Protein backbone atom coordinates (compact mmCIF):
# COMPACT_ATOMS: atom_id res chain seq x y z
CA UNK A 1 47.70 88.28 -8.56
CA UNK A 2 43.94 88.27 -7.97
CA UNK A 3 42.49 91.55 -9.17
CA UNK A 4 45.83 93.35 -9.32
CA UNK A 5 45.94 93.73 -13.09
CA UNK A 6 42.81 95.89 -13.03
CA UNK A 7 44.59 98.59 -11.04
CA UNK A 8 48.15 98.19 -12.25
CA UNK A 9 46.98 99.14 -15.73
CA UNK A 10 44.83 102.00 -14.41
CA UNK A 11 47.48 104.73 -14.75
CA UNK A 12 45.04 107.52 -13.93
CA UNK A 13 45.08 106.43 -10.28
CA UNK A 14 48.85 106.92 -10.16
CA UNK A 15 48.54 110.29 -11.86
CA UNK A 16 45.85 111.43 -9.43
CA UNK A 17 47.88 110.33 -6.41
CA UNK A 18 50.87 112.24 -7.78
CA UNK A 19 48.71 115.33 -8.30
CA UNK A 20 47.33 115.17 -4.76
CA UNK A 21 50.86 114.81 -3.39
CA UNK A 22 52.20 117.78 -5.31
CA UNK A 23 55.69 117.67 -6.77
CA UNK A 24 56.02 114.10 -7.96
CA UNK A 25 54.95 112.34 -4.76
CA UNK A 26 56.95 114.41 -2.31
CA UNK A 27 56.17 112.22 0.69
CA UNK A 28 54.98 108.74 1.57
CA UNK A 29 52.06 110.19 3.51
CA UNK A 30 50.83 112.05 0.44
CA UNK A 31 51.07 108.90 -1.67
CA UNK A 32 49.02 106.91 0.80
CA UNK A 33 46.54 109.73 1.26
CA UNK A 34 45.99 109.92 -2.49
CA UNK A 35 44.90 106.28 -2.48
CA UNK A 36 42.57 106.95 0.46
CA UNK A 37 40.86 109.90 -1.24
CA UNK A 38 40.45 108.01 -4.50
CA UNK A 39 39.01 104.98 -2.70
CA UNK A 40 36.26 107.09 -1.15
CA UNK A 41 34.91 107.92 -4.63
CA UNK A 42 36.34 105.30 -7.00
CA UNK A 43 36.32 107.88 -9.77
CA UNK A 44 38.68 110.42 -11.32
CA UNK A 45 35.97 113.08 -11.28
CA UNK A 46 35.16 112.88 -7.58
CA UNK A 47 38.80 112.59 -6.58
CA UNK A 48 39.83 115.70 -8.51
CA UNK A 49 37.13 117.76 -6.82
CA UNK A 50 37.95 116.43 -3.35
CA UNK A 51 41.67 116.95 -3.82
CA UNK A 52 41.22 120.71 -4.17
CA UNK A 53 40.55 120.83 -0.42
CA UNK A 54 41.89 117.51 0.85
CA UNK A 55 45.48 117.39 -0.33
CA UNK A 56 46.29 116.41 3.25
CA UNK A 57 44.03 115.10 6.04
CA UNK A 58 42.00 117.82 7.75
CA UNK A 59 40.74 118.17 11.29
CA UNK A 60 37.18 116.97 11.88
CA UNK A 61 35.66 120.47 11.84
CA UNK A 62 37.70 121.53 8.81
CA UNK A 63 36.81 118.33 6.97
CA UNK A 64 33.10 118.86 7.58
CA UNK A 65 33.29 122.47 6.41
CA UNK A 66 35.30 121.59 3.31
CA UNK A 67 33.02 118.79 2.17
CA UNK A 68 29.98 121.05 2.58
CA UNK A 69 31.55 123.72 0.34
CA UNK A 70 32.57 121.41 -2.49
CA UNK A 71 30.34 121.05 -5.54
CA UNK A 72 30.59 117.50 -6.83
CA UNK A 73 29.29 116.99 -10.39
CA UNK A 74 27.23 114.02 -11.46
CA UNK A 75 29.29 110.86 -11.74
CA UNK A 76 31.64 111.76 -8.90
CA UNK A 77 31.00 108.38 -7.25
CA UNK A 78 31.30 105.36 -9.49
CA UNK A 79 31.50 101.57 -9.66
CA UNK A 80 30.67 99.75 -6.42
CA UNK A 81 31.03 102.99 -4.44
CA UNK A 82 27.90 104.27 -6.15
CA UNK A 83 25.96 102.14 -3.65
CA UNK A 84 27.05 104.48 -0.89
CA UNK A 85 25.90 107.53 -2.91
CA UNK A 86 27.68 110.88 -2.71
CA UNK A 87 26.57 111.23 0.91
CA UNK A 88 28.38 108.03 1.83
CA UNK A 89 31.49 109.09 -0.08
CA UNK A 90 31.59 112.39 1.79
CA UNK A 91 31.13 110.67 5.13
CA UNK A 92 33.91 108.22 4.36
CA UNK A 93 36.25 111.09 3.46
CA UNK A 94 35.54 112.90 6.74
CA UNK A 95 35.97 109.63 8.65
CA UNK A 96 39.26 108.98 6.85
CA UNK A 97 40.52 112.38 7.99
CA UNK A 98 39.69 111.47 11.58
CA UNK A 99 41.61 108.20 11.28
CA UNK A 100 44.42 109.45 9.06
CA UNK A 101 47.18 108.49 11.50
CA UNK A 102 45.98 104.88 11.69
CA UNK A 103 45.51 104.75 7.92
CA UNK A 104 49.03 106.01 7.45
CA UNK A 105 50.40 103.28 9.69
CA UNK A 106 48.44 100.62 7.81
CA UNK A 107 49.41 101.72 4.31
CA UNK A 108 53.04 102.64 4.96
CA UNK A 109 54.25 99.87 7.27
CA UNK A 110 56.72 97.83 5.22
CA UNK A 111 56.69 94.85 7.57
CA UNK A 112 53.06 93.76 7.08
CA UNK A 113 51.51 91.82 4.23
CA UNK A 114 48.17 92.27 2.51
CA UNK A 115 46.25 90.06 4.94
CA UNK A 116 47.50 91.91 8.00
CA UNK A 117 46.73 95.28 6.45
CA UNK A 118 43.23 94.13 5.58
CA UNK A 119 42.61 93.06 9.19
CA UNK A 120 43.85 96.43 10.40
CA UNK A 121 41.49 98.28 8.07
CA UNK A 122 38.61 96.10 9.18
CA UNK A 123 39.27 96.96 12.83
CA UNK A 124 39.71 100.64 11.99
CA UNK A 125 36.15 100.91 10.63
CA UNK A 126 36.36 103.92 8.34
CA UNK A 127 32.75 104.87 7.60
CA UNK A 128 31.35 103.38 4.41
CA UNK A 129 34.50 101.35 3.84
CA UNK A 130 33.22 97.82 3.48
CA UNK A 131 34.98 94.71 2.30
CA UNK A 132 35.27 95.79 -1.35
CA UNK A 133 36.52 99.30 -0.62
CA UNK A 134 39.16 97.97 1.78
CA UNK A 135 40.25 95.35 -0.73
CA UNK A 136 40.43 97.85 -3.60
CA UNK A 137 42.33 100.42 -1.53
CA UNK A 138 44.97 97.87 -0.56
CA UNK A 139 45.22 96.61 -4.15
CA UNK A 140 45.93 100.17 -5.28
CA UNK A 141 48.42 100.91 -2.53
CA UNK A 142 50.21 97.60 -3.00
CA UNK A 143 50.31 97.83 -6.79
CA UNK A 144 51.62 101.40 -6.68
CA UNK A 145 54.16 100.60 -3.97
CA UNK A 146 53.18 103.53 -1.73
CA UNK A 147 55.07 101.95 1.19
CA UNK A 148 58.22 101.51 -0.86
CA UNK A 149 57.33 97.87 -1.44
CA UNK A 150 54.64 96.12 -3.43
CA UNK A 151 52.24 93.55 -2.04
CA UNK A 152 49.28 91.59 -3.34
CA UNK A 153 46.46 89.51 -1.86
CA UNK A 154 46.74 85.74 -1.66
CA UNK A 155 42.99 85.28 -2.00
CA UNK A 156 39.86 87.12 -3.14
CA UNK A 157 38.21 87.36 0.32
CA UNK A 158 34.97 85.90 -1.00
CA UNK A 159 33.67 85.04 2.45
CA UNK A 160 31.79 88.01 3.86
CA UNK A 161 31.54 89.77 0.51
CA UNK A 162 28.27 90.53 -1.27
CA UNK A 163 28.77 91.11 -5.00
CA UNK A 164 31.88 88.92 -5.39
CA UNK A 165 30.31 86.01 -3.51
CA UNK A 166 27.06 86.34 -5.45
CA UNK A 167 28.94 86.45 -8.74
CA UNK A 168 30.99 83.41 -7.79
CA UNK A 169 27.85 81.45 -6.94
CA UNK A 170 26.17 82.53 -10.16
CA UNK A 171 29.11 81.38 -12.30
CA UNK A 172 30.30 78.35 -10.38
CA UNK A 173 27.17 77.11 -8.65
CA UNK A 174 28.79 77.03 -5.21
CA UNK A 175 27.52 79.20 -2.39
CA UNK A 176 30.35 80.85 -0.44
CA UNK A 177 29.99 79.87 3.22
CA UNK A 178 32.34 79.24 6.11
CA UNK A 179 32.42 75.58 5.12
CA UNK A 180 33.09 76.16 1.40
CA UNK A 181 35.17 79.37 1.45
CA UNK A 182 38.55 77.65 1.16
CA UNK A 183 37.35 75.50 -1.72
CA UNK A 184 35.93 78.56 -3.50
CA UNK A 185 39.18 80.47 -3.09
CA UNK A 186 41.18 77.53 -4.46
CA UNK A 187 38.90 77.16 -7.47
CA UNK A 188 39.10 80.86 -8.25
CA UNK A 189 42.89 81.00 -7.76
CA UNK A 190 43.43 78.00 -10.01
CA UNK A 191 41.21 79.45 -12.73
CA UNK A 192 42.94 82.85 -12.43
CA UNK A 193 46.39 81.31 -12.77
CA UNK A 194 45.33 79.42 -15.87
CA UNK A 195 43.93 82.54 -17.52
CA UNK A 196 46.64 85.02 -16.44
CA UNK A 197 49.35 86.08 -18.93
CA UNK A 198 52.57 84.05 -18.39
CA UNK A 199 54.56 87.03 -17.07
CA UNK A 200 51.98 87.84 -14.40
CA UNK A 201 51.56 84.32 -13.02
CA UNK A 202 52.85 83.58 -9.56
CA UNK A 203 53.88 80.20 -8.16
CA UNK A 204 52.29 79.65 -4.79
CA UNK A 205 53.85 76.93 -2.66
CA UNK A 206 51.47 75.70 0.02
CA UNK A 207 51.37 72.72 2.32
CA UNK A 208 50.82 70.44 -0.65
CA UNK A 209 53.91 71.61 -2.51
CA UNK A 210 53.94 73.09 -6.01
CA UNK A 211 50.68 71.32 -6.85
CA UNK A 212 48.32 71.31 -3.84
CA UNK A 213 46.02 68.29 -3.39
CA UNK A 214 42.82 68.54 -5.39
CA UNK A 215 39.54 68.36 -3.44
CA UNK A 216 37.90 66.18 -6.09
CA UNK A 217 40.84 64.63 -7.82
CA UNK A 218 42.50 65.70 -11.05
CA UNK A 219 40.60 66.83 -14.10
CA UNK A 220 41.24 68.35 -17.53
CA UNK A 221 42.39 71.95 -17.12
CA UNK A 222 41.65 73.00 -20.71
CA UNK A 223 38.19 74.39 -19.79
CA UNK A 224 39.89 76.77 -17.37
CA UNK A 225 41.45 78.55 -20.33
CA UNK A 226 38.06 79.37 -21.79
CA UNK A 227 36.19 82.60 -20.95
CA UNK A 228 33.59 80.57 -19.04
CA UNK A 229 33.64 78.97 -15.58
CA UNK A 230 35.92 75.87 -15.72
CA UNK A 231 33.46 73.76 -13.73
CA UNK A 232 29.80 73.19 -14.46
CA UNK A 233 27.44 73.99 -11.61
CA UNK A 234 26.67 70.34 -10.95
CA UNK A 235 30.34 69.39 -10.85
CA UNK A 236 31.27 72.31 -8.59
CA UNK A 237 28.39 71.56 -6.24
CA UNK A 238 29.40 67.92 -6.10
CA UNK A 239 32.96 68.87 -5.27
CA UNK A 240 31.69 71.25 -2.60
CA UNK A 241 29.58 68.55 -0.96
CA UNK A 242 32.37 66.04 -1.11
CA UNK A 243 34.75 68.44 0.57
CA UNK A 244 32.30 69.50 3.28
CA UNK A 245 31.25 65.95 4.20
CA UNK A 246 34.66 64.34 3.88
């Protein structure tokens, strides 16, 4: 669903996790650990370097020694993880080693869904693992089925995010707050479902049935199929105010 296609199609992540695990993903722990290592760097380059010493979680002292010995080339930390710099990526890797048992339980428990796993990671507080890193790590683990089952998020977790919330406000004209978060998630989910390929769409049945009640009534959905926000800023803001003050 939301965001999953980005990682399902990213086969290099699967290949890297298999390489970290050894002979074709020999154990569930190795599969989950491969996702953890990759999520600390968000790059093939950084993960390949780290995996030479971190094929399995290390003790705190061993993890510190290993990360000090490794020579990471430029570009080892990419995408949103670049904000943490290489220092932050190293610290997150050492922290992940310290909390490997809890991470294993979170990633490999077949009885929990995406939301529960996200709450567990939030409480675990791996260093330099903010909202986006947690979300991306769970997307990867769920898409690759490291627990023997696949799972996906039911929302984008806009509330509490930085870049995603700012981007949503820039495109839609609605600021993500505690009062508007549900509306923002519904708008984004509806737009995503309209733009998603038919085979990847999912039917979500909520309290309102197959077609949940609309916060501002029904409107033409054709704009949602265009590569631009389906609501103008003024319309979205009006809907937001109507929902908040209703």
